[in-house]
PDB file of N, CA and C in Angstrom:
ATOM      1  N   UNK A   1       0.712  -1.454   0.054  1.00  0.00           N
ATOM      2  CA  UNK A   1       0.051   0.321  -0.240  1.00  0.00           C
ATOM      3  C   UNK A   1       0.747   1.325  -0.137  1.00  0.00           C
ATOM      4  N   UNK A   2       0.459   2.133  -0.847  1.00  0.00           N
ATOM      5  CA  UNK A   2       1.150   3.496  -0.901  1.00  0.00           C
ATOM      6  C   UNK A   2       0.372   4.379   0.015  1.00  0.00           C
ATOM      7  N   UNK A   3       1.078   4.438   1.409  1.00  0.00           N
ATOM      8  CA  UNK A   3       0.083   5.084   2.547  1.00  0.00           C
ATOM      9  C   UNK A   3       0.423   6.688   2.059  1.00  0.00           C
ATOM     10  N   UNK A   4       1.456   6.930   1.461  1.00  0.00           N
ATOM     11  CA  UNK A   4       1.446   8.518   1.286  1.00  0.00           C
ATOM     12  C   UNK A   4       0.552   9.079   0.300  1.00  0.00           C
ATOM     13  N   UNK A   5       0.363   8.322  -0.698  1.00  0.00           N
ATOM     14  CA  UNK A   5      -0.652   8.565  -1.589  1.00  0.00           C
ATOM     15  C   UNK A   5      -2.120   8.618  -1.199  1.00  0.00           C
ATOM     16  N   UNK A   6      -2.217   7.130  -0.545  1.00  0.00           N
ATOM     17  CA  UNK A   6      -3.559   7.356   0.386  1.00  0.00           C
ATOM     18  C   UNK A   6      -3.904   8.433   1.183  1.00  0.00           C
ATOM     19  N   UNK A   7      -2.912   9.227   2.064  1.00  0.00           N
ATOM     20  CA  UNK A   7      -3.084  10.337   2.574  1.00  0.00           C
ATOM     21  C   UNK A   7      -3.356  11.325   2.032  1.00  0.00           C
ATOM     22  N   UNK A   8      -2.853  11.568   1.146  1.00  0.00           N
ATOM     23  CA  UNK A   8      -2.782  12.625  -0.144  1.00  0.00           C
ATOM     24  C   UNK A   8      -4.075  12.719  -0.554  1.00  0.00           C
ATOM     25  N   UNK A   9      -4.710  11.707  -0.995  1.00  0.00           N
ATOM     26  CA  UNK A   9      -6.057  11.383  -1.458  1.00  0.00           C
ATOM     27  C   UNK A   9      -7.149  11.837  -0.407  1.00  0.00           C
ATOM     28  N   UNK A  10      -6.951  11.024   0.705  1.00  0.00           N
ATOM     29  CA  UNK A  10      -7.958  11.145   1.956  1.00  0.00           C
ATOM     30  C   UNK A  10      -7.981  12.764   2.296  1.00  0.00           C
ATOM     31  N   UNK A  11      -7.040  13.575   2.239  1.00  0.00           N
ATOM     32  CA  UNK A  11      -6.961  14.830   2.685  1.00  0.00           C
ATOM     33  C   UNK A  11      -7.409  15.444   1.661  1.00  0.00           C
ATOM     34  N   UNK A  12      -7.154  15.493   0.341  1.00  0.00           N
ATOM     35  CA  UNK A  12      -8.266  16.263  -0.542  1.00  0.00           C
ATOM     36  C   UNK A  12      -9.700  15.656  -0.414  1.00  0.00           C
ATOM     37  N   UNK A  13     -10.028  14.701  -0.236  1.00  0.00           N
ATOM     38  CA  UNK A  13     -11.324  14.439  -0.332  1.00  0.00           C
ATOM     39  C   UNK A  13     -12.086  14.986   1.470  1.00  0.00           C
ATOM     40  N   UNK A  14     -11.050  15.222   2.267  1.00  0.00           N
ATOM     41  CA  UNK A  14     -11.519  15.922   3.510  1.00  0.00           C
ATOM     42  C   UNK A  14     -11.736  17.498   3.065  1.00  0.00           C
ATOM     43  N   UNK A  15     -11.221  18.067   2.315  1.00  0.00           N
ATOM     44  CA  UNK A  15     -11.081  19.429   1.973  1.00  0.00           C
ATOM     45  C   UNK A  15     -12.249  19.397   1.115  1.00  0.00           C
ATOM     46  N   UNK A  16     -12.572  19.163  -0.032  1.00  0.00           N
ATOM     47  CA  UNK A  16     -13.502  19.036  -0.807  1.00  0.00           C
ATOM     48  C   UNK A  16     -14.649  19.094   0.071  1.00  0.00           C
ATOM     49  N   UNK A  17     -14.930  17.922   1.025  1.00  0.00           N
ATOM     50  CA  UNK A  17     -15.996  17.774   1.633  1.00  0.00           C
ATOM     51  C   UNK A  17     -16.061  19.170   2.520  1.00  0.00           C
ATOM     52  N   UNK A  18     -15.184  19.536   3.199  1.00  0.00           N
ATOM     53  CA  UNK A  18     -15.376  20.991   3.726  1.00  0.00           C
ATOM     54  C   UNK A  18     -15.679  22.017   3.067  1.00  0.00           C
ATOM     55  N   UNK A  19     -15.253  22.379   1.880  1.00  0.00           N
ATOM     56  CA  UNK A  19     -15.545  23.386   0.947  1.00  0.00           C
ATOM     57  C   UNK A  19     -16.944  23.172   0.446  1.00  0.00           C
ATOM     58  N   UNK A  20     -17.666  21.929   0.516  1.00  0.00           N
ATOM     59  CA  UNK A  20     -18.883  21.783   0.354  1.00  0.00           C
ATOM     60  C   UNK A  20     -19.776  21.883   1.426  1.00  0.00           C
ATOM     61  N   UNK A  21     -19.480  21.605   2.560  1.00  0.00           N
ATOM     62  CA  UNK A  21     -20.061  21.813   3.640  1.00  0.00           C
ATOM     63  C   UNK A  21     -20.766  20.646   3.766  1.00  0.00           C
ATOM     64  N   UNK A  22     -20.340  19.130   3.352  1.00  0.00           N
ATOM     65  CA  UNK A  22     -20.813  17.929   3.647  1.00  0.00           C
ATOM     66  C   UNK A  22     -20.383  17.292   4.599  1.00  0.00           C
ATOM     67  N   UNK A  23     -21.570  16.672   5.436  1.00  0.00           N
ATOM     68  CA  UNK A  23     -21.334  15.908   6.514  1.00  0.00           C
ATOM     69  C   UNK A  23     -21.057  14.596   6.289  1.00  0.00           C
ATOM     70  N   UNK A  24     -21.528  14.039   5.204  1.00  0.00           N
ATOM     71  CA  UNK A  24     -21.625  12.686   4.766  1.00  0.00           C
ATOM     72  C   UNK A  24     -20.114  12.123   4.925  1.00  0.00           C
ATOM     73  N   UNK A  25     -19.693  11.097   5.603  1.00  0.00           N
ATOM     74  CA  UNK A  25     -18.505  10.687   5.667  1.00  0.00           C
ATOM     75  C   UNK A  25     -17.342  11.300   6.348  1.00  0.00           C
ATOM     76  N   UNK A  26     -17.771  12.913   6.993  1.00  0.00           N
ATOM     77  CA  UNK A  26     -16.632  13.583   7.218  1.00  0.00           C
ATOM     78  C   UNK A  26     -15.909  13.076   8.576  1.00  0.00           C
ATOM     79  N   UNK A  27     -16.411  12.192   9.544  1.00  0.00           N
ATOM     80  CA  UNK A  27     -15.821  11.921  10.676  1.00  0.00           C
ATOM     81  C   UNK A  27     -15.245  10.488  10.317  1.00  0.00           C
ATOM     82  N   UNK A  28     -15.833   9.635   9.527  1.00  0.00           N
ATOM     83  CA  UNK A  28     -15.036   8.488   9.016  1.00  0.00           C
ATOM     84  C   UNK A  28     -14.006   8.831   8.225  1.00  0.00           C
ATOM     85  N   UNK A  29     -14.070   9.842   7.231  1.00  0.00           N
ATOM     86  CA  UNK A  29     -12.605  10.195   6.746  1.00  0.00           C
ATOM     87  C   UNK A  29     -11.473  10.628   7.785  1.00  0.00           C
ATOM     88  N   UNK A  30     -11.771  11.385   8.760  1.00  0.00           N
ATOM     89  CA  UNK A  30     -10.899  11.779   9.857  1.00  0.00           C
ATOM     90  C   UNK A  30     -10.525  10.669  10.652  1.00  0.00           C
ATOM     91  N   UNK A  31     -11.324   9.719  10.897  1.00  0.00           N
ATOM     92  CA  UNK A  31     -10.440   8.842  11.674  1.00  0.00           C
ATOM     93  C   UNK A  31      -9.804   7.841  10.795  1.00  0.00           C
ATOM     94  N   UNK A  32     -10.230   7.527   9.334  1.00  0.00           N
ATOM     95  CA  UNK A  32      -9.310   6.680   8.264  1.00  0.00           C
ATOM     96  C   UNK A  32      -7.671   7.599   8.176  1.00  0.00           C
ATOM     97  N   UNK A  33      -8.256   8.871   8.232  1.00  0.00           N
ATOM     98  CA  UNK A  33      -6.909   9.789   8.243  1.00  0.00           C
ATOM     99  C   UNK A  33      -5.750   9.517   9.305  1.00  0.00           C
ATOM    100  N   UNK A  34      -6.286   9.362  10.712  1.00  0.00           N
ATOM    101  CA  UNK A  34      -5.351   9.015  11.938  1.00  0.00           C
ATOM    102  C   UNK A  34      -5.051   7.732  11.566  1.00  0.00           C
ATOM    103  N   UNK A  35      -5.674   6.738  11.228  1.00  0.00           N
ATOM    104  CA  UNK A  35      -5.489   5.315  11.357  1.00  0.00           C
ATOM    105  C   UNK A  35      -4.180   5.414  10.030  1.00  0.00           C
ATOM    106  N   UNK A  36      -4.168   5.887   8.868  1.00  0.00           N
ATOM    107  CA  UNK A  36      -3.132   5.890   8.020  1.00  0.00           C
ATOM    108  C   UNK A  36      -1.812   6.796   8.460  1.00  0.00           C
ATOM    109  N   UNK A  37      -2.157   7.798   9.036  1.00  0.00           N
ATOM    110  CA  UNK A  37      -0.929   8.474   9.575  1.00  0.00           C
ATOM    111  C   UNK A  37      -0.108   7.594  10.742  1.00  0.00           C
ATOM    112  N   UNK A  38      -0.867   6.908  11.621  1.00  0.00           N
ATOM    113  CA  UNK A  38      -0.151   6.197  12.503  1.00  0.00           C
ATOM    114  C   UNK A  38       0.494   5.084  12.053  1.00  0.00           C
ATOM    115  N   UNK A  39       1.733   5.046  12.371  1.00  0.00           N
ATOM    116  CA  UNK A  39       2.855   4.187  11.872  1.00  0.00           C
ATOM    117  C   UNK A  39       2.820   2.786  12.663  1.00  0.00           C
ATOM    118  N   UNK A  40       2.325   2.895  13.515  1.00  0.00           N
ATOM    119  CA  UNK A  40       1.859   1.732  14.318  1.00  0.00           C
ATOM    120  C   UNK A  40       0.881   0.800  13.940  1.00  0.00           C
ATOM    121  N   UNK A  41       0.018   1.267  12.949  1.00  0.00           N
ATOM    122  CA  UNK A  41      -1.088   0.599  12.237  1.00  0.00           C
ATOM    123  C   UNK A  41      -0.680  -0.753  11.860  1.00  0.00           C
ATOM    124  N   UNK A  42      -1.589  -1.730  12.107  1.00  0.00           N
ATOM    125  CA  UNK A  42      -0.964  -3.255  11.959  1.00  0.00           C
ATOM    126  C   UNK A  42      -1.967  -3.532  10.271  1.00  0.00           C
ATOM    127  N   UNK A  43      -1.272  -4.552   9.746  1.00  0.00           N
ATOM    128  CA  UNK A  43      -1.665  -4.846   8.610  1.00  0.00           C
ATOM    129  C   UNK A  43      -3.592  -5.197   8.650  1.00  0.00           C
ATOM    130  N   UNK A  44      -3.651  -5.746   9.540  1.00  0.00           N
ATOM    131  CA  UNK A  44      -5.115  -6.176  10.142  1.00  0.00           C
ATOM    132  C   UNK A  44      -5.691  -4.919  10.180  1.00  0.00           C
ATOM    133  N   UNK A  45      -5.466  -4.023  11.002  1.00  0.00           N
ATOM    134  CA  UNK A  45      -6.511  -2.679  10.672  1.00  0.00           C
ATOM    135  C   UNK A  45      -6.481  -2.119   9.590  1.00  0.00           C
ATOM    136  N   UNK A  46      -5.499  -2.300   8.589  1.00  0.00           N
ATOM    137  CA  UNK A  46      -5.286  -1.407   7.464  1.00  0.00           C
ATOM    138  C   UNK A  46      -6.399  -2.258   6.463  1.00  0.00           C
ATOM    139  N   UNK A  47      -6.597  -3.657   6.269  1.00  0.00           N
ATOM    140  CA  UNK A  47      -7.657  -4.554   5.926  1.00  0.00           C
ATOM    141  C   UNK A  47      -9.082  -4.184   6.359  1.00  0.00           C
ATOM    142  N   UNK A  48      -9.015  -3.855   7.579  1.00  0.00           N
ATOM    143  CA  UNK A  48     -10.296  -3.573   8.153  1.00  0.00           C
ATOM    144  C   UNK A  48     -10.803  -2.478   7.460  1.00  0.00           C
ATOM    145  N   UNK A  49      -9.831  -1.200   7.487  1.00  0.00           N
ATOM    146  CA  UNK A  49     -10.166   0.117   7.151  1.00  0.00           C
ATOM    147  C   UNK A  49     -10.280  -0.029   5.263  1.00  0.00           C
ATOM    148  N   UNK A  50      -9.862  -0.686   4.502  1.00  0.00           N
ATOM    149  CA  UNK A  50      -9.956  -1.331   3.213  1.00  0.00           C
ATOM    150  C   UNK A  50     -11.727  -1.682   3.201  1.00  0.00           C
ATOM    151  N   UNK A  51     -12.016  -2.740   3.749  1.00  0.00           N
ATOM    152  CA  UNK A  51     -13.292  -3.287   3.889  1.00  0.00           C
ATOM    153  C   UNK A  51     -14.100  -2.067   4.244  1.00  0.00           C
ATOM    154  N   UNK A  52     -14.090  -1.121   5.164  1.00  0.00           N
ATOM    155  CA  UNK A  52     -14.849  -0.227   5.471  1.00  0.00           C
ATOM    156  C   UNK A  52     -15.104   0.734   4.262  1.00  0.00           C
ATOM    157  N   UNK A  53     -14.263   0.968   3.380  1.00  0.00           N
ATOM    158  CA  UNK A  53     -14.060   1.817   2.415  1.00  0.00           C
ATOM    159  C   UNK A  53     -15.098   1.363   1.426  1.00  0.00           C
ATOM    160  N   UNK A  54     -14.844  -0.064   1.158  1.00  0.00           N
ATOM    161  CA  UNK A  54     -15.754  -0.683   0.376  1.00  0.00           C
ATOM    162  C   UNK A  54     -17.100  -0.727   0.362  1.00  0.00           C
ATOM    163  N   UNK A  55     -17.347  -0.849   1.766  1.00  0.00           N
ATOM    164  CA  UNK A  55     -18.985  -0.684   2.286  1.00  0.00           C
ATOM    165  C   UNK A  55     -19.177   0.605   1.858  1.00  0.00           C
ATOM    166  N   UNK A  56     -18.506   1.409   2.598  1.00  0.00           N
ATOM    167  CA  UNK A  56     -18.851   2.806   2.355  1.00  0.00           C
ATOM    168  C   UNK A  56     -19.159   3.218   0.617  1.00  0.00           C
ATOM    169  N   UNK A  57     -18.334   2.899  -0.130  1.00  0.00           N
ATOM    170  CA  UNK A  57     -18.704   3.038  -1.433  1.00  0.00           C
ATOM    171  C   UNK A  57     -19.677   2.242  -1.976  1.00  0.00           C
ATOM    172  N   UNK A  58     -20.223   1.577  -1.428  1.00  0.00           N
ATOM    173  CA  UNK A  58     -21.590   0.564  -2.052  1.00  0.00           C
ATOM    174  C   UNK A  58     -22.537   1.058  -1.513  1.00  0.00           C
ATOM    175  N   UNK A  59     -22.677   1.819  -0.405  1.00  0.00           N
ATOM    176  CA  UNK A  59     -23.938   2.389   0.144  1.00  0.00           C
ATOM    177  C   UNK A  59     -23.864   4.260   0.731  1.00  0.00           C
ATOM    178  N   UNK A  60     -22.847   4.872   0.074  1.00  0.00           N
ATOM    179  CA  UNK A  60     -22.638   5.994   0.113  1.00  0.00           C
ATOM    180  C   UNK A  60     -23.234   7.084  -1.137  1.00  0.00           C
ATOM    181  N   UNK A  61     -23.659   8.263  -0.698  1.00  0.00           N
ATOM    182  CA  UNK A  61     -24.198   8.850  -1.987  1.00  0.00           C
ATOM    183  C   UNK A  61     -23.016  10.273  -2.155  1.00  0.00           C
ATOM    184  N   UNK A  62     -22.548   9.995  -3.478  1.00  0.00           N
ATOM    185  CA  UNK A  62     -21.089  10.674  -3.973  1.00  0.00           C
ATOM    186  C   UNK A  62     -21.619  11.361  -5.207  1.00  0.00           C
ATOM    187  N   UNK A  63     -20.491  12.329  -5.357  1.00  0.00           N
ATOM    188  CA  UNK A  63     -20.542  13.144  -6.543  1.00  0.00           C
ATOM    189  C   UNK A  63     -19.626  12.092  -7.374  1.00  0.00           C
ATOM    190  N   UNK A  64     -19.638  12.348  -8.816  1.00  0.00           N
ATOM    191  CA  UNK A  64     -18.752  11.572  -9.846  1.00  0.00           C
ATOM    192  C   UNK A  64     -17.176  11.803  -9.154  1.00  0.00           C
ATOM    193  N   UNK A  65     -16.746  13.062  -8.709  1.00  0.00           N
ATOM    194  CA  UNK A  65     -15.227  13.634  -8.390  1.00  0.00           C
ATOM    195  C   UNK A  65     -15.213  12.669  -6.979  1.00  0.00           C
ATOM    196  N   UNK A  66     -16.006  12.785  -6.398  1.00  0.00           N
ATOM    197  CA  UNK A  66     -15.718  12.292  -4.948  1.00  0.00           C
ATOM    198  C   UNK A  66     -15.715  10.554  -4.728  1.00  0.00           C
ATOM    199  N   UNK A  67     -16.671   9.836  -5.795  1.00  0.00           N
ATOM    200  CA  UNK A  67     -16.547   8.577  -5.860  1.00  0.00           C
ATOM    201  C   UNK A  67     -15.503   8.104  -6.701  1.00  0.00           C
ATOM    202  N   UNK A  68     -14.960   8.944  -7.954  1.00  0.00           N
ATOM    203  CA  UNK A  68     -13.485   8.570  -8.272  1.00  0.00           C
ATOM    204  C   UNK A  68     -12.277   8.646  -7.522  1.00  0.00           C
ATOM    205  N   UNK A  69     -12.630   9.831  -6.261  1.00  0.00           N
ATOM    206  CA  UNK A  69     -11.214   9.863  -5.517  1.00  0.00           C
ATOM    207  C   UNK A  69     -11.447   8.491  -4.307  1.00  0.00           C
ATOM    208  N   UNK A  70     -12.382   8.132  -4.002  1.00  0.00           N
ATOM    209  CA  UNK A  70     -12.770   7.313  -2.977  1.00  0.00           C
ATOM    210  C   UNK A  70     -12.061   5.703  -3.501  1.00  0.00           C
ATOM    211  N   UNK A  71     -12.640   5.731  -5.078  1.00  0.00           N
ATOM    212  CA  UNK A  71     -12.010   4.558  -5.514  1.00  0.00           C
ATOM    213  C   UNK A  71     -10.624   4.536  -5.727  1.00  0.00           C
ATOM    214  N   UNK A  72     -10.037   5.319  -6.075  1.00  0.00           N
ATOM    215  CA  UNK A  72      -8.716   5.456  -6.091  1.00  0.00           C
ATOM    216  C   UNK A  72      -8.019   5.388  -4.640  1.00  0.00           C
ATOM    217  N   UNK A  73      -8.596   5.772  -3.672  1.00  0.00           N
ATOM    218  CA  UNK A  73      -8.250   5.410  -2.289  1.00  0.00           C
ATOM    219  C   UNK A  73      -8.149   4.058  -2.229  1.00  0.00           C
ATOM    220  N   UNK A  74      -9.349   3.408  -2.514  1.00  0.00           N
ATOM    221  CA  UNK A  74      -9.618   1.929  -2.193  1.00  0.00           C
ATOM    222  C   UNK A  74      -8.313   1.172  -2.915  1.00  0.00           C
ATOM    223  N   UNK A  75      -7.973   1.579  -4.124  1.00  0.00           N
ATOM    224  CA  UNK A  75      -7.071   1.109  -4.921  1.00  0.00           C
ATOM    225  C   UNK A  75      -5.852   0.851  -4.102  1.00  0.00           C
ATOM    226  N   UNK A  76      -5.518   2.423  -3.642  1.00  0.00           N
ATOM    227  CA  UNK A  76      -4.016   2.479  -2.934  1.00  0.00           C
ATOM    228  C   UNK A  76      -4.118   1.464  -1.351  1.00  0.00           C
ATOM    229  N   UNK A  77      -5.320   1.139  -0.942  1.00  0.00           N
ATOM    230  CA  UNK A  77      -5.408   0.562   0.204  1.00  0.00           C
ATOM    231  C   UNK A  77      -5.189  -0.812   0.147  1.00  0.00           C
ATOM    232  N   UNK A  78      -6.044  -1.409  -1.091  1.00  0.00           N
ATOM    233  CA  UNK A  78      -5.891  -2.683  -1.625  1.00  0.00           C
ATOM    234  C   UNK A  78      -4.473  -3.066  -1.725  1.00  0.00           C
ATOM    235  N   UNK A  79      -3.297  -2.609  -2.417  1.00  0.00           N
ATOM    236  CA  UNK A  79      -2.075  -2.864  -2.843  1.00  0.00           C
ATOM    237  C   UNK A  79      -1.296  -2.885  -1.803  1.00  0.00           C
TER     238      UNK A  79
END
């Protein structure tokens, strides 16, 4: 997994949500960012985060741009 790229994408998603005053996912994104920034995060925790984002993608309501960014983030978490 490329943590640096995942952190950059997630930071961008949070910024976009803040600019558009969107509440959906805001706390989830911030928690995910903390997990990614923590160097002591285990592989199991990263797998759980990946699964959480997959479920979030399946049930969330996103703009096309937001969906594309989250999809890229999932790709980075998967690898």
